[in-house]
Amino acid sequence: MNSRLGRPRRRDPLGGRDRVIIDGSNQRERRGASEPPEEATLIGSLRALLPSQVQIHAVFDTDPPPGSGTVRSVSGVTVHHAHAAGGDDAIVGLASAAPRRTLVVTDDRELRSRLLALGTSVERNEWLQALRQRSRPVAPSIGRPLRPRATTTGAPDDAKDAEGDDRSRWRPGRGATVKRGNPRRQPKHR
């Protein structure tokens, strides 16, 4: 039991599974877009989210890009294009090859019931979203940490008082670009 939250720990959906099939066309519904997600964006993120020993298949209900076949391997992910409305059948076909070792990620209810009848594990798209959230770095980027900014009203004394130092600050307006160089050098006459 997870003592911090007082609820039981959730089982690992990948436990004992070495294949993951993503309903790529189903991802667009999750994002609320009318077009499917950029294939490259989805495919690039998948390999980074899942362990290297897991085979990843992404199935799209679209035609393949010009010049490529319906099945191709991209960055360690096997991409399947099942043409219009053929994605569900393609996913069931892929899952039926090894149903007990396969995890399918989809929000499609009809597809989910077909897969559960085969004995395949099914997760909703929220599971994939949670993996993406966990994989994002939480540490700040490399470099010098930023100092918190003081809130000022714009008056020159406010900046000095807020930060506790007496360095002069840049002020907008006339004189902001006045030369501060060698005072002995004569100015150029035009």
N, C-alpha and C. Protein backbone atom coordinates (compact mmCIF):
# COMPACT_ATOMS: atom_id res chain seq x y z
N MET A 1 0.84 -1.18 0.00
CA MET A 1 0.00 0.00 0.00
C MET A 1 0.88 1.24 0.00
N ASN A 2 0.48 2.24 -0.74
CA ASN A 2 1.19 3.50 -0.78
C ASN A 2 0.79 4.30 0.45
N SER A 3 1.68 4.39 1.43
CA SER A 3 1.34 4.99 2.71
C SER A 3 1.13 6.50 2.62
N ARG A 4 1.75 7.15 1.67
CA ARG A 4 1.59 8.60 1.59
C ARG A 4 0.16 8.98 1.20
N LEU A 5 -0.41 8.24 0.29
CA LEU A 5 -1.73 8.61 -0.20
C LEU A 5 -2.84 7.74 0.38
N GLY A 6 -2.49 6.65 1.08
CA GLY A 6 -3.48 5.81 1.69
C GLY A 6 -4.26 4.94 0.72
N ARG A 7 -3.73 4.71 -0.46
CA ARG A 7 -4.41 3.84 -1.40
C ARG A 7 -3.42 2.80 -1.94
N PRO A 8 -3.91 1.67 -2.42
CA PRO A 8 -3.00 0.62 -2.87
C PRO A 8 -2.22 1.06 -4.11
N ARG A 9 -1.02 0.52 -4.22
CA ARG A 9 -0.20 0.81 -5.39
C ARG A 9 -0.81 0.14 -6.61
N ARG A 10 -0.71 0.83 -7.71
CA ARG A 10 -1.23 0.29 -8.96
C ARG A 10 -0.19 -0.64 -9.56
N ARG A 11 -0.66 -1.72 -10.14
CA ARG A 11 0.25 -2.67 -10.78
C ARG A 11 0.91 -2.01 -11.98
N ASP A 12 2.05 -2.55 -12.37
CA ASP A 12 2.77 -2.04 -13.52
C ASP A 12 2.16 -2.64 -14.78
N PRO A 13 1.57 -1.83 -15.66
CA PRO A 13 0.96 -2.36 -16.88
C PRO A 13 1.97 -3.07 -17.79
N LEU A 14 3.24 -2.70 -17.71
CA LEU A 14 4.26 -3.32 -18.56
C LEU A 14 4.80 -4.62 -17.97
N GLY A 15 4.41 -4.95 -16.75
CA GLY A 15 4.92 -6.16 -16.10
C GLY A 15 4.63 -7.41 -16.93
N GLY A 16 5.67 -8.09 -17.41
CA GLY A 16 5.50 -9.30 -18.21
C GLY A 16 5.14 -9.04 -19.66
N ARG A 17 5.13 -7.81 -20.09
CA ARG A 17 4.77 -7.47 -21.47
C ARG A 17 6.03 -7.01 -22.21
N ASP A 18 6.18 -7.48 -23.43
CA ASP A 18 7.33 -7.04 -24.22
C ASP A 18 6.91 -6.38 -25.53
N ARG A 19 5.61 -6.13 -25.69
CA ARG A 19 5.09 -5.44 -26.87
C ARG A 19 4.07 -4.40 -26.43
N VAL A 20 4.16 -3.22 -27.00
CA VAL A 20 3.17 -2.17 -26.75
C VAL A 20 2.67 -1.69 -28.11
N ILE A 21 1.36 -1.65 -28.24
CA ILE A 21 0.74 -1.15 -29.47
C ILE A 21 -0.02 0.11 -29.11
N ILE A 22 0.28 1.19 -29.83
CA ILE A 22 -0.35 2.48 -29.59
C ILE A 22 -1.34 2.74 -30.71
N ASP A 23 -2.57 3.06 -30.36
CA ASP A 23 -3.57 3.48 -31.34
C ASP A 23 -3.27 4.93 -31.67
N GLY A 24 -2.42 5.14 -32.67
CA GLY A 24 -1.94 6.48 -33.01
C GLY A 24 -3.04 7.42 -33.43
N SER A 25 -4.02 6.93 -34.16
CA SER A 25 -5.12 7.79 -34.58
C SER A 25 -6.00 8.15 -33.40
N ASN A 26 -6.04 7.33 -32.39
CA ASN A 26 -6.80 7.60 -31.19
C ASN A 26 -6.18 8.72 -30.37
N GLN A 27 -4.91 8.99 -30.56
CA GLN A 27 -4.22 10.04 -29.84
C GLN A 27 -4.77 11.42 -30.19
N ARG A 28 -5.26 11.60 -31.41
CA ARG A 28 -5.79 12.92 -31.80
C ARG A 28 -7.02 13.29 -30.98
N GLU A 29 -7.84 12.28 -30.66
CA GLU A 29 -9.03 12.57 -29.86
C GLU A 29 -8.64 13.04 -28.48
N ARG A 30 -7.57 12.49 -27.94
CA ARG A 30 -7.08 12.88 -26.62
C ARG A 30 -6.60 14.31 -26.64
N ARG A 31 -5.97 14.72 -27.74
CA ARG A 31 -5.42 16.06 -27.81
C ARG A 31 -6.47 17.08 -28.19
N GLY A 32 -7.64 16.62 -28.67
CA GLY A 32 -8.70 17.54 -29.04
C GLY A 32 -8.47 18.21 -30.38
N ALA A 33 -7.61 17.68 -31.20
CA ALA A 33 -7.33 18.28 -32.50
C ALA A 33 -8.14 17.56 -33.57
N SER A 34 -8.39 18.24 -34.67
CA SER A 34 -9.12 17.61 -35.76
C SER A 34 -8.21 16.74 -36.61
N GLU A 35 -6.95 17.03 -36.62
CA GLU A 35 -5.97 16.24 -37.36
C GLU A 35 -5.23 15.30 -36.42
N PRO A 36 -4.74 14.16 -36.93
CA PRO A 36 -3.95 13.29 -36.06
C PRO A 36 -2.67 14.01 -35.62
N PRO A 37 -2.07 13.58 -34.53
CA PRO A 37 -0.84 14.25 -34.09
C PRO A 37 0.25 14.04 -35.13
N GLU A 38 1.18 14.92 -35.14
CA GLU A 38 2.31 14.74 -36.03
C GLU A 38 2.94 13.40 -35.72
N GLU A 39 3.04 12.58 -36.74
CA GLU A 39 3.59 11.24 -36.56
C GLU A 39 4.97 11.28 -35.94
N ALA A 40 5.80 12.17 -36.42
CA ALA A 40 7.18 12.26 -35.93
C ALA A 40 7.21 12.61 -34.45
N THR A 41 6.31 13.49 -34.01
CA THR A 41 6.26 13.89 -32.60
C THR A 41 5.89 12.70 -31.73
N LEU A 42 4.87 11.99 -32.13
CA LEU A 42 4.42 10.84 -31.35
C LEU A 42 5.48 9.75 -31.33
N ILE A 43 6.03 9.43 -32.48
CA ILE A 43 7.01 8.35 -32.58
C ILE A 43 8.28 8.68 -31.80
N GLY A 44 8.76 9.91 -31.91
CA GLY A 44 9.97 10.31 -31.20
C GLY A 44 9.82 10.23 -29.69
N SER A 45 8.64 10.53 -29.19
CA SER A 45 8.45 10.50 -27.75
C SER A 45 8.28 9.08 -27.23
N LEU A 46 7.73 8.18 -28.04
CA LEU A 46 7.46 6.81 -27.57
C LEU A 46 8.73 6.06 -27.20
N ARG A 47 9.74 6.12 -28.02
CA ARG A 47 10.95 5.34 -27.74
C ARG A 47 11.61 5.81 -26.46
N ALA A 48 11.51 7.09 -26.17
CA ALA A 48 12.12 7.62 -24.95
C ALA A 48 11.33 7.25 -23.70
N LEU A 49 10.04 6.94 -23.84
CA LEU A 49 9.20 6.66 -22.69
C LEU A 49 9.26 5.21 -22.21
N LEU A 50 9.51 4.29 -23.13
CA LEU A 50 9.41 2.86 -22.80
C LEU A 50 10.78 2.21 -22.81
N PRO A 51 10.97 1.15 -22.02
CA PRO A 51 12.27 0.46 -21.99
C PRO A 51 12.67 -0.06 -23.36
N SER A 52 13.96 -0.19 -23.58
CA SER A 52 14.47 -0.58 -24.89
C SER A 52 14.10 -2.01 -25.28
N GLN A 53 13.85 -2.89 -24.30
CA GLN A 53 13.52 -4.26 -24.64
C GLN A 53 12.06 -4.42 -25.08
N VAL A 54 11.25 -3.37 -24.97
CA VAL A 54 9.85 -3.42 -25.36
C VAL A 54 9.72 -3.03 -26.83
N GLN A 55 9.05 -3.90 -27.62
CA GLN A 55 8.75 -3.57 -29.01
C GLN A 55 7.59 -2.58 -29.02
N ILE A 56 7.71 -1.54 -29.83
CA ILE A 56 6.64 -0.54 -29.90
C ILE A 56 6.08 -0.51 -31.31
N HIS A 57 4.74 -0.57 -31.40
CA HIS A 57 4.04 -0.48 -32.67
C HIS A 57 3.07 0.70 -32.56
N ALA A 58 3.07 1.57 -33.53
CA ALA A 58 2.11 2.68 -33.59
C ALA A 58 1.27 2.46 -34.84
N VAL A 59 -0.05 2.41 -34.68
CA VAL A 59 -0.96 2.14 -35.79
C VAL A 59 -1.78 3.39 -36.07
N PHE A 60 -1.79 3.81 -37.33
CA PHE A 60 -2.53 4.99 -37.76
C PHE A 60 -3.59 4.61 -38.78
N ASP A 61 -4.74 5.28 -38.74
CA ASP A 61 -5.83 5.07 -39.70
C ASP A 61 -5.64 5.96 -40.93
N THR A 62 -4.44 6.14 -41.36
CA THR A 62 -4.17 7.03 -42.48
C THR A 62 -3.39 6.30 -43.56
N ASP A 63 -3.27 6.95 -44.70
CA ASP A 63 -2.42 6.43 -45.76
C ASP A 63 -0.97 6.73 -45.40
N PRO A 64 -0.05 5.89 -45.86
CA PRO A 64 1.37 6.16 -45.56
C PRO A 64 1.86 7.40 -46.31
N PRO A 65 2.92 8.00 -45.84
CA PRO A 65 3.49 9.14 -46.56
C PRO A 65 3.91 8.70 -47.96
N PRO A 66 3.89 9.60 -48.92
CA PRO A 66 4.29 9.24 -50.29
C PRO A 66 5.70 8.63 -50.32
N GLY A 67 5.82 7.53 -51.01
CA GLY A 67 7.12 6.89 -51.18
C GLY A 67 7.47 5.89 -50.11
N SER A 68 6.60 5.70 -49.11
CA SER A 68 6.91 4.71 -48.08
C SER A 68 5.80 3.66 -48.05
N GLY A 69 6.11 2.52 -47.48
CA GLY A 69 5.15 1.43 -47.41
C GLY A 69 4.22 1.58 -46.23
N THR A 70 3.32 0.61 -46.09
CA THR A 70 2.35 0.67 -45.00
C THR A 70 2.97 0.28 -43.66
N VAL A 71 4.12 -0.41 -43.68
CA VAL A 71 4.83 -0.76 -42.45
C VAL A 71 6.27 -0.33 -42.60
N ARG A 72 6.76 0.43 -41.63
CA ARG A 72 8.16 0.86 -41.67
C ARG A 72 8.64 1.05 -40.24
N SER A 73 9.94 1.01 -40.07
CA SER A 73 10.55 1.19 -38.75
C SER A 73 11.19 2.57 -38.69
N VAL A 74 10.83 3.32 -37.66
CA VAL A 74 11.35 4.67 -37.47
C VAL A 74 11.78 4.82 -36.01
N SER A 75 13.05 5.07 -35.78
CA SER A 75 13.60 5.31 -34.44
C SER A 75 13.22 4.22 -33.44
N GLY A 76 13.26 2.98 -33.86
CA GLY A 76 12.95 1.89 -32.95
C GLY A 76 11.46 1.64 -32.75
N VAL A 77 10.61 2.32 -33.51
CA VAL A 77 9.16 2.14 -33.43
C VAL A 77 8.69 1.64 -34.79
N THR A 78 7.89 0.56 -34.79
CA THR A 78 7.32 0.07 -36.04
C THR A 78 6.02 0.80 -36.28
N VAL A 79 5.94 1.50 -37.41
CA VAL A 79 4.78 2.32 -37.74
C VAL A 79 3.95 1.56 -38.78
N HIS A 80 2.65 1.46 -38.51
CA HIS A 80 1.71 0.78 -39.41
C HIS A 80 0.68 1.80 -39.88
N HIS A 81 0.45 1.85 -41.18
CA HIS A 81 -0.62 2.69 -41.75
C HIS A 81 -1.68 1.76 -42.28
N ALA A 82 -2.87 1.81 -41.70
CA ALA A 82 -3.93 0.86 -42.03
C ALA A 82 -4.99 1.46 -42.95
N HIS A 83 -4.70 2.59 -43.53
CA HIS A 83 -5.66 3.30 -44.39
C HIS A 83 -6.90 3.68 -43.59
N ALA A 84 -7.89 4.24 -44.23
CA ALA A 84 -9.06 4.77 -43.53
C ALA A 84 -9.85 3.67 -42.83
N ALA A 85 -10.09 3.85 -41.55
CA ALA A 85 -10.93 3.00 -40.70
C ALA A 85 -10.44 1.56 -40.59
N GLY A 86 -9.20 1.26 -40.90
CA GLY A 86 -8.70 -0.10 -40.78
C GLY A 86 -7.78 -0.30 -39.60
N GLY A 87 -7.60 0.71 -38.79
CA GLY A 87 -6.66 0.65 -37.67
C GLY A 87 -7.05 -0.34 -36.59
N ASP A 88 -8.33 -0.42 -36.27
CA ASP A 88 -8.76 -1.34 -35.23
C ASP A 88 -8.47 -2.79 -35.61
N ASP A 89 -8.77 -3.15 -36.85
CA ASP A 89 -8.49 -4.52 -37.30
C ASP A 89 -6.99 -4.80 -37.30
N ALA A 90 -6.19 -3.81 -37.68
CA ALA A 90 -4.73 -3.99 -37.69
C ALA A 90 -4.21 -4.19 -36.26
N ILE A 91 -4.75 -3.45 -35.30
CA ILE A 91 -4.33 -3.58 -33.91
C ILE A 91 -4.71 -4.96 -33.37
N VAL A 92 -5.93 -5.41 -33.66
CA VAL A 92 -6.35 -6.74 -33.20
C VAL A 92 -5.47 -7.81 -33.82
N GLY A 93 -5.12 -7.65 -35.10
CA GLY A 93 -4.25 -8.61 -35.76
C GLY A 93 -2.87 -8.67 -35.13
N LEU A 94 -2.31 -7.50 -34.81
CA LEU A 94 -1.00 -7.46 -34.16
C LEU A 94 -1.06 -8.06 -32.75
N ALA A 95 -2.10 -7.76 -32.02
CA ALA A 95 -2.22 -8.25 -30.65
C ALA A 95 -2.47 -9.75 -30.61
N SER A 96 -3.16 -10.29 -31.61
CA SER A 96 -3.47 -11.72 -31.59
C SER A 96 -2.23 -12.60 -31.77
N ALA A 97 -1.14 -12.04 -32.27
CA ALA A 97 0.10 -12.80 -32.42
C ALA A 97 0.67 -13.20 -31.07
N ALA A 98 0.53 -12.37 -30.06
CA ALA A 98 1.03 -12.67 -28.71
C ALA A 98 0.18 -11.90 -27.70
N PRO A 99 -1.07 -12.31 -27.48
CA PRO A 99 -1.99 -11.51 -26.66
C PRO A 99 -1.56 -11.33 -25.21
N ARG A 100 -0.95 -12.32 -24.60
CA ARG A 100 -0.58 -12.23 -23.18
C ARG A 100 0.66 -11.37 -22.96
N ARG A 101 1.45 -11.17 -24.01
CA ARG A 101 2.68 -10.37 -23.90
C ARG A 101 2.50 -8.97 -24.45
N THR A 102 1.25 -8.59 -24.80
CA THR A 102 0.99 -7.33 -25.47
C THR A 102 0.16 -6.39 -24.60
N LEU A 103 0.51 -5.12 -24.64
CA LEU A 103 -0.26 -4.05 -24.00
C LEU A 103 -0.68 -3.09 -25.09
N VAL A 104 -1.96 -2.76 -25.16
CA VAL A 104 -2.48 -1.83 -26.16
C VAL A 104 -2.94 -0.57 -25.45
N VAL A 105 -2.59 0.59 -26.00
CA VAL A 105 -3.00 1.88 -25.44
C VAL A 105 -4.03 2.51 -26.38
N THR A 106 -5.27 2.59 -25.90
CA THR A 106 -6.35 3.16 -26.70
C THR A 106 -7.49 3.59 -25.79
N ASP A 107 -8.32 4.52 -26.27
CA ASP A 107 -9.53 4.92 -25.57
C ASP A 107 -10.78 4.42 -26.29
N ASP A 108 -10.61 3.68 -27.37
CA ASP A 108 -11.72 3.15 -28.16
C ASP A 108 -12.39 2.00 -27.42
N ARG A 109 -13.67 2.16 -27.04
CA ARG A 109 -14.37 1.15 -26.24
C ARG A 109 -14.56 -0.16 -27.00
N GLU A 110 -14.98 -0.07 -28.24
CA GLU A 110 -15.21 -1.28 -29.03
C GLU A 110 -13.91 -2.07 -29.20
N LEU A 111 -12.84 -1.37 -29.53
CA LEU A 111 -11.54 -2.02 -29.69
C LEU A 111 -11.10 -2.64 -28.35
N ARG A 112 -11.33 -1.94 -27.28
CA ARG A 112 -10.97 -2.44 -25.96
C ARG A 112 -11.65 -3.78 -25.66
N SER A 113 -12.94 -3.88 -25.95
CA SER A 113 -13.66 -5.13 -25.68
C SER A 113 -13.15 -6.26 -26.57
N ARG A 114 -12.81 -5.97 -27.81
CA ARG A 114 -12.26 -7.01 -28.69
C ARG A 114 -10.92 -7.51 -28.17
N LEU A 115 -10.10 -6.59 -27.67
CA LEU A 115 -8.77 -6.97 -27.17
C LEU A 115 -8.85 -7.74 -25.85
N LEU A 116 -9.74 -7.33 -24.97
CA LEU A 116 -9.91 -8.03 -23.70
C LEU A 116 -10.40 -9.46 -23.94
N ALA A 117 -11.23 -9.66 -24.97
CA ALA A 117 -11.69 -11.01 -25.31
C ALA A 117 -10.53 -11.89 -25.76
N LEU A 118 -9.50 -11.29 -26.35
CA LEU A 118 -8.31 -12.04 -26.76
C LEU A 118 -7.39 -12.35 -25.58
N GLY A 119 -7.53 -11.60 -24.50
CA GLY A 119 -6.64 -11.77 -23.36
C GLY A 119 -5.51 -10.76 -23.35
N THR A 120 -5.66 -9.70 -24.12
CA THR A 120 -4.65 -8.64 -24.20
C THR A 120 -4.92 -7.58 -23.15
N SER A 121 -3.88 -7.05 -22.55
CA SER A 121 -4.02 -5.95 -21.60
C SER A 121 -4.23 -4.64 -22.35
N VAL A 122 -5.09 -3.80 -21.79
CA VAL A 122 -5.41 -2.53 -22.44
C VAL A 122 -5.30 -1.41 -21.41
N GLU A 123 -4.66 -0.33 -21.80
CA GLU A 123 -4.58 0.88 -20.96
C GLU A 123 -5.16 2.05 -21.73
N ARG A 124 -5.68 3.00 -20.98
CA ARG A 124 -6.22 4.22 -21.61
C ARG A 124 -5.08 5.18 -21.95
N ASN A 125 -5.39 6.19 -22.73
CA ASN A 125 -4.38 7.16 -23.14
C ASN A 125 -3.81 7.94 -21.96
N GLU A 126 -4.55 8.03 -20.85
CA GLU A 126 -4.04 8.73 -19.67
C GLU A 126 -2.75 8.09 -19.16
N TRP A 127 -2.63 6.78 -19.31
CA TRP A 127 -1.42 6.08 -18.88
C TRP A 127 -0.20 6.61 -19.64
N LEU A 128 -0.35 6.77 -20.95
CA LEU A 128 0.74 7.30 -21.78
C LEU A 128 1.03 8.75 -21.42
N GLN A 129 -0.02 9.52 -21.17
CA GLN A 129 0.16 10.91 -20.76
C GLN A 129 0.92 11.00 -19.44
N ALA A 130 0.60 10.10 -18.50
CA ALA A 130 1.29 10.11 -17.21
C ALA A 130 2.77 9.76 -17.39
N LEU A 131 3.07 8.84 -18.30
CA LEU A 131 4.48 8.53 -18.58
C LEU A 131 5.21 9.74 -19.12
N ARG A 132 4.54 10.48 -19.99
CA ARG A 132 5.16 11.69 -20.55
C ARG A 132 5.43 12.72 -19.45
N GLN A 133 4.48 12.87 -18.54
CA GLN A 133 4.66 13.83 -17.46
C GLN A 133 5.81 13.44 -16.54
N ARG A 134 5.94 12.14 -16.26
CA ARG A 134 7.02 11.68 -15.40
C ARG A 134 8.39 11.82 -16.04
N SER A 135 8.44 11.76 -17.36
CA SER A 135 9.74 11.80 -18.03
C SER A 135 10.26 13.21 -18.24
N ARG A 136 9.42 14.22 -18.00
CA ARG A 136 9.87 15.60 -18.15
C ARG A 136 10.80 15.97 -17.01
N PRO A 137 11.90 16.65 -17.32
CA PRO A 137 12.82 17.03 -16.25
C PRO A 137 12.19 18.08 -15.34
N VAL A 138 12.44 17.94 -14.06
CA VAL A 138 11.91 18.91 -13.11
C VAL A 138 12.98 19.86 -12.61
N ALA A 139 14.23 19.55 -12.89
CA ALA A 139 15.33 20.41 -12.45
C ALA A 139 15.47 21.59 -13.41
N PRO A 140 15.97 22.71 -12.91
CA PRO A 140 16.18 23.85 -13.80
C PRO A 140 17.29 23.54 -14.79
N SER A 141 17.34 24.31 -15.83
CA SER A 141 18.37 24.09 -16.82
C SER A 141 19.74 24.44 -16.25
N ILE A 142 20.76 24.02 -16.96
CA ILE A 142 22.13 24.26 -16.51
C ILE A 142 22.43 25.74 -16.61
N GLY A 143 23.15 26.24 -15.66
CA GLY A 143 23.52 27.65 -15.68
C GLY A 143 23.37 28.28 -14.32
N ARG A 144 23.60 29.55 -14.29
CA ARG A 144 23.52 30.29 -13.04
C ARG A 144 22.05 30.45 -12.66
N PRO A 145 21.70 30.17 -11.42
CA PRO A 145 20.30 30.33 -11.01
C PRO A 145 19.90 31.80 -11.05
N LEU A 146 18.67 32.05 -11.41
CA LEU A 146 18.17 33.42 -11.49
C LEU A 146 17.85 33.94 -10.10
N ARG A 147 18.17 35.22 -9.89
CA ARG A 147 17.78 35.86 -8.64
C ARG A 147 16.33 36.28 -8.75
N PRO A 148 15.60 36.21 -7.66
CA PRO A 148 14.22 36.70 -7.73
C PRO A 148 14.22 38.19 -7.98
N ARG A 149 13.30 38.61 -8.82
CA ARG A 149 13.21 40.04 -9.13
C ARG A 149 12.42 40.77 -8.06
N ALA A 150 12.85 41.96 -7.78
CA ALA A 150 12.13 42.79 -6.82
C ALA A 150 11.03 43.54 -7.56
N THR A 151 9.93 43.70 -6.92
CA THR A 151 8.85 44.49 -7.51
C THR A 151 9.05 45.93 -7.15
N THR A 152 9.12 46.75 -8.18
CA THR A 152 9.33 48.18 -7.95
C THR A 152 8.29 48.98 -8.69
N THR A 153 8.16 50.23 -8.31
CA THR A 153 7.21 51.12 -8.98
C THR A 153 7.86 51.85 -10.13
N GLY A 154 9.14 51.71 -10.29
CA GLY A 154 9.84 52.37 -11.37
C GLY A 154 10.69 53.53 -10.90
N ALA A 155 10.51 53.97 -9.69
CA ALA A 155 11.32 55.07 -9.16
C ALA A 155 12.72 54.54 -8.89
N PRO A 156 13.77 55.35 -9.15
CA PRO A 156 15.14 54.89 -8.97
C PRO A 156 15.44 54.41 -7.56
N ASP A 157 14.86 55.01 -6.54
CA ASP A 157 15.14 54.60 -5.17
C ASP A 157 14.52 53.26 -4.83
N ASP A 158 13.40 52.90 -5.49
CA ASP A 158 12.74 51.62 -5.22
C ASP A 158 13.64 50.45 -5.58
N ALA A 159 14.33 50.52 -6.71
CA ALA A 159 15.19 49.42 -7.13
C ALA A 159 16.34 49.25 -6.14
N LYS A 160 16.88 50.36 -5.68
CA LYS A 160 18.00 50.29 -4.75
C LYS A 160 17.54 49.70 -3.42
N ASP A 161 16.38 50.13 -2.93
CA ASP A 161 15.89 49.65 -1.65
C ASP A 161 15.45 48.20 -1.72
N ALA A 162 14.84 47.79 -2.83
CA ALA A 162 14.29 46.44 -2.94
C ALA A 162 15.38 45.38 -2.96
N GLU A 163 16.50 45.66 -3.59
CA GLU A 163 17.54 44.64 -3.70
C GLU A 163 18.66 44.84 -2.69
N GLY A 164 18.66 45.94 -2.00
CA GLY A 164 19.65 46.14 -0.96
C GLY A 164 21.03 46.50 -1.47
N ASP A 165 21.17 46.88 -2.73
CA ASP A 165 22.48 47.33 -3.21
C ASP A 165 22.31 48.71 -3.82
N ASP A 166 23.45 49.35 -4.03
CA ASP A 166 23.38 50.72 -4.52
C ASP A 166 23.88 50.84 -5.95
N ARG A 167 23.85 49.75 -6.71
CA ARG A 167 24.26 49.84 -8.11
C ARG A 167 23.23 50.63 -8.89
N SER A 168 23.69 51.44 -9.80
CA SER A 168 22.74 52.20 -10.60
C SER A 168 22.11 51.28 -11.64
N ARG A 169 20.87 51.47 -11.87
CA ARG A 169 20.09 50.66 -12.80
C ARG A 169 19.86 51.43 -14.08
N TRP A 170 19.62 50.70 -15.13
CA TRP A 170 19.28 51.32 -16.41
C TRP A 170 17.92 51.96 -16.30
N ARG A 171 17.82 53.17 -16.83
CA ARG A 171 16.54 53.86 -16.84
C ARG A 171 16.22 54.27 -18.26
N PRO A 172 15.00 54.08 -18.67
CA PRO A 172 14.64 54.47 -20.03
C PRO A 172 14.57 55.98 -20.17
N GLY A 173 14.63 56.43 -21.40
CA GLY A 173 14.47 57.86 -21.65
C GLY A 173 15.76 58.49 -22.13
N ARG A 174 15.76 59.78 -22.19
CA ARG A 174 16.92 60.52 -22.69
C ARG A 174 18.12 60.28 -21.81
N GLY A 175 19.24 60.13 -22.45
CA GLY A 175 20.47 59.93 -21.72
C GLY A 175 20.80 58.47 -21.49
N ALA A 176 19.94 57.59 -21.92
CA ALA A 176 20.17 56.17 -21.68
C ALA A 176 21.34 55.66 -22.50
N THR A 177 21.64 56.31 -23.61
CA THR A 177 22.74 55.86 -24.46
C THR A 177 23.87 56.87 -24.50
N VAL A 178 24.02 57.64 -23.47
CA VAL A 178 25.09 58.63 -23.41
C VAL A 178 26.43 57.91 -23.30
N LYS A 179 27.39 58.40 -24.06
CA LYS A 179 28.71 57.80 -24.04
C LYS A 179 29.36 57.99 -22.68
N ARG A 180 29.98 56.93 -22.22
CA ARG A 180 30.62 56.98 -20.92
C ARG A 180 32.13 56.70 -21.07
N GLY A 181 32.66 56.95 -22.22
CA GLY A 181 34.05 56.62 -22.52
C GLY A 181 35.06 57.62 -22.00
N ASN A 182 36.16 57.76 -22.72
CA ASN A 182 37.28 58.60 -22.35
C ASN A 182 36.83 60.07 -22.34
N PRO A 183 36.90 60.74 -21.19
CA PRO A 183 36.44 62.13 -21.13
C PRO A 183 37.42 63.09 -21.79
N ARG A 184 38.67 62.69 -22.02
CA ARG A 184 39.65 63.60 -22.62
C ARG A 184 39.56 63.65 -24.12
N ARG A 185 38.94 62.66 -24.71
CA ARG A 185 38.85 62.62 -26.17
C ARG A 185 37.78 63.60 -26.62
N GLN A 186 38.13 64.36 -27.64
CA GLN A 186 37.21 65.36 -28.18
C GLN A 186 36.10 64.68 -28.97
N PRO A 187 34.87 65.17 -28.85
CA PRO A 187 33.77 64.60 -29.65
C PRO A 187 33.99 64.92 -31.12
N LYS A 188 33.48 64.06 -31.99
CA LYS A 188 33.56 64.28 -33.43
C LYS A 188 32.55 65.32 -33.83
N HIS A 189 32.98 66.21 -34.73
CA HIS A 189 32.06 67.23 -35.24
C HIS A 189 31.59 66.81 -36.60
N ARG A 190 30.33 66.94 -36.82
CA ARG A 190 29.78 66.51 -38.11
C ARG A 190 29.58 67.65 -39.02
